[in-house]
Amino acid sequence: RCKYFSIEELVPENLMVLHEDKLWELFDEDVLRFADWLKDFCKGASVTVNDWEWAGHYSQSGIRTVDSMYYSEGSMHSVGKALDLKVKGYTAEGLRTALRAYEEDVAPIPYITRIEDGTIGWLHVDTKETGKDKIHYFNP
């Protein structure tokens, strides 16, 4: 479970028919821990995964189900090991730069193993095994 995020912020609306405990079990605990860590890292800035509950545009930024047009069998989203995070006051590139600096100057980034690089407008993180000690930045 998360300190800062409700389950509605992490799963698409169609999964809300399941019991909340079952929904939390769909996630890798480390990806959830990172979401909370990022909120603290960004000094309490508003962090969004999904916002469908508030009539927003995001519903597939956490778990993705087979009925989603964004579903991919090999995606870390499909197995609860990825999140797409949007942080108010930060661009995705600005976040990646800040996280790289943190890793170089302060300490390893905890909980996650990969961050998607490139021109996407959100911070994609996941816990796919890489065999590396540092965060692996990748372009799909």
Protein backbone atom coordinates (compact mmCIF):
# COMPACT_ATOMS: atom_id res chain seq x y z
CA ARG A 1 0.00 0.00 0.00
CA CYS A 2 0.96 3.60 -0.48
CA LYS A 3 1.25 6.42 1.99
CA TYR A 4 0.15 9.07 -0.52
CA PHE A 5 -1.88 7.28 -3.21
CA SER A 6 -5.32 5.68 -3.15
CA ILE A 7 -5.94 2.53 -5.16
CA GLU A 8 -8.20 4.53 -7.52
CA GLU A 9 -5.13 6.51 -8.56
CA LEU A 10 -3.30 3.34 -9.60
CA VAL A 11 -5.82 1.12 -11.42
CA PRO A 12 -8.32 1.71 -14.24
CA GLU A 13 -11.95 2.22 -13.30
CA ASN A 14 -13.04 -1.20 -14.63
CA LEU A 15 -10.96 -2.95 -11.93
CA MET A 16 -12.76 -1.19 -9.10
CA VAL A 17 -15.25 -4.08 -8.98
CA LEU A 18 -12.52 -6.08 -7.19
CA HIS A 19 -11.92 -5.84 -3.45
CA GLU A 20 -9.34 -3.18 -2.56
CA ASP A 21 -7.01 -5.73 -0.92
CA LYS A 22 -6.92 -7.75 -4.16
CA LEU A 23 -6.09 -4.61 -6.15
CA TRP A 24 -3.10 -3.75 -3.96
CA GLU A 25 -1.82 -7.29 -4.45
CA LEU A 26 -1.55 -6.64 -8.21
CA PHE A 27 1.43 -4.34 -7.65
CA ASP A 28 5.09 -4.89 -7.04
CA GLU A 29 5.63 -3.28 -3.62
CA ASP A 30 8.82 -1.57 -4.78
CA VAL A 31 7.07 0.41 -7.50
CA LEU A 32 4.56 1.61 -4.88
CA ARG A 33 7.36 2.52 -2.48
CA PHE A 34 8.99 4.54 -5.25
CA ALA A 35 5.78 6.52 -5.87
CA ASP A 36 5.78 7.59 -2.21
CA TRP A 37 9.54 8.27 -2.32
CA LEU A 38 9.09 10.48 -5.40
CA LYS A 39 6.40 12.53 -3.66
CA ASP A 40 8.81 13.15 -0.79
CA PHE A 41 11.67 13.83 -3.24
CA CYS A 42 9.51 16.47 -4.94
CA LYS A 43 8.79 18.03 -1.55
CA GLY A 44 5.09 17.22 -1.53
CA ALA A 45 4.31 18.42 -5.06
CA SER A 46 1.15 16.97 -6.55
CA VAL A 47 1.98 13.62 -8.17
CA THR A 48 -0.54 12.01 -10.51
CA VAL A 49 -0.68 8.47 -11.80
CA ASN A 50 -4.35 8.07 -12.83
CA ASP A 51 -6.95 10.82 -12.43
CA TRP A 52 -10.06 9.21 -13.98
CA GLU A 53 -11.86 9.42 -10.62
CA TRP A 54 -11.76 13.22 -10.87
CA ALA A 55 -12.83 13.32 -14.53
CA GLY A 56 -9.22 13.47 -15.69
CA HIS A 57 -7.61 11.96 -18.76
CA TYR A 58 -5.41 9.25 -17.23
CA SER A 59 -6.64 5.74 -16.45
CA GLN A 60 -3.86 3.50 -17.80
CA SER A 61 -0.79 4.94 -16.05
CA GLY A 62 -0.64 2.18 -13.46
CA ILE A 63 -1.99 -1.31 -14.10
CA ARG A 64 -3.09 -1.99 -17.68
CA THR A 65 -5.63 -4.65 -18.46
CA VAL A 66 -6.15 -6.63 -21.67
CA ASP A 67 -9.13 -4.45 -22.64
CA SER A 68 -6.92 -1.34 -22.74
CA MET A 69 -5.77 -0.02 -26.11
CA TYR A 70 -2.39 0.51 -24.39
CA TYR A 71 -2.08 -3.08 -23.18
CA SER A 72 0.98 -5.04 -24.18
CA GLU A 73 1.73 -8.49 -22.85
CA GLY A 74 5.39 -7.65 -22.27
CA SER A 75 4.73 -4.31 -20.60
CA MET A 76 5.71 -3.87 -16.98
CA HIS A 77 2.35 -2.05 -16.58
CA SER A 78 0.57 -5.33 -17.33
CA VAL A 79 2.19 -7.05 -14.35
CA GLY A 80 2.03 -4.22 -11.81
CA LYS A 81 5.71 -3.27 -12.06
CA ALA A 82 5.45 0.15 -13.75
CA LEU A 83 3.95 3.57 -13.19
CA ASP A 84 3.73 6.69 -15.34
CA LEU A 85 3.99 9.65 -12.99
CA LYS A 86 3.22 13.30 -13.68
CA VAL A 87 4.49 15.85 -11.12
CA LYS A 88 3.06 19.35 -10.93
CA GLY A 89 5.75 21.95 -11.46
CA TYR A 90 8.15 19.52 -13.15
CA THR A 91 8.59 18.44 -16.74
CA ALA A 92 9.40 14.79 -17.33
CA GLU A 93 12.86 15.79 -18.57
CA GLY A 94 13.37 17.98 -15.51
CA LEU A 95 12.50 15.05 -13.27
CA ARG A 96 14.88 12.73 -15.09
CA THR A 97 17.64 15.34 -14.76
CA ALA A 98 16.96 15.77 -11.03
CA LEU A 99 16.94 12.01 -10.48
CA ARG A 100 20.22 11.58 -12.40
CA ALA A 101 21.82 14.30 -10.26
CA TYR A 102 20.49 12.70 -7.07
CA GLU A 103 21.94 9.34 -8.09
CA GLU A 104 25.31 10.87 -8.96
CA ASP A 105 25.63 13.24 -5.99
CA VAL A 106 23.58 11.79 -3.13
CA ALA A 107 22.62 8.11 -3.23
CA PRO A 108 21.22 5.40 -5.48
CA ILE A 109 17.60 5.88 -6.53
CA PRO A 110 15.67 3.42 -4.36
CA TYR A 111 13.14 0.75 -5.32
CA ILE A 112 13.13 1.00 -9.14
CA THR A 113 15.52 -0.31 -11.77
CA ARG A 114 14.55 1.57 -14.95
CA ILE A 115 13.39 4.97 -16.16
CA GLU A 116 12.19 5.59 -19.69
CA ASP A 117 14.19 8.30 -21.43
CA GLY A 118 13.23 10.40 -24.41
CA THR A 119 10.43 12.76 -25.26
CA ILE A 120 7.53 11.30 -23.29
CA GLY A 121 5.58 13.74 -21.15
CA TRP A 122 5.63 11.72 -17.94
CA LEU A 123 8.10 9.81 -15.80
CA HIS A 124 7.85 6.11 -16.62
CA VAL A 125 9.49 3.97 -13.93
CA ASP A 126 9.55 0.22 -13.47
CA THR A 127 11.15 -2.64 -11.58
CA LYS A 128 12.15 -4.88 -14.48
CA GLU A 129 15.33 -6.78 -13.61
CA THR A 130 18.40 -5.27 -15.27
CA GLY A 131 21.31 -6.76 -13.32
CA LYS A 132 22.73 -3.26 -12.86
CA ASP A 133 23.42 -1.29 -9.68
CA LYS A 134 22.35 2.05 -11.15
CA ILE A 135 19.12 3.07 -12.81
CA HIS A 136 18.96 1.96 -16.43
CA TYR A 137 17.63 4.73 -18.69
CA PHE A 138 16.06 3.26 -21.81
CA ASN A 139 14.22 4.16 -24.99
CA PRO A 140 11.67 1.54 -26.04
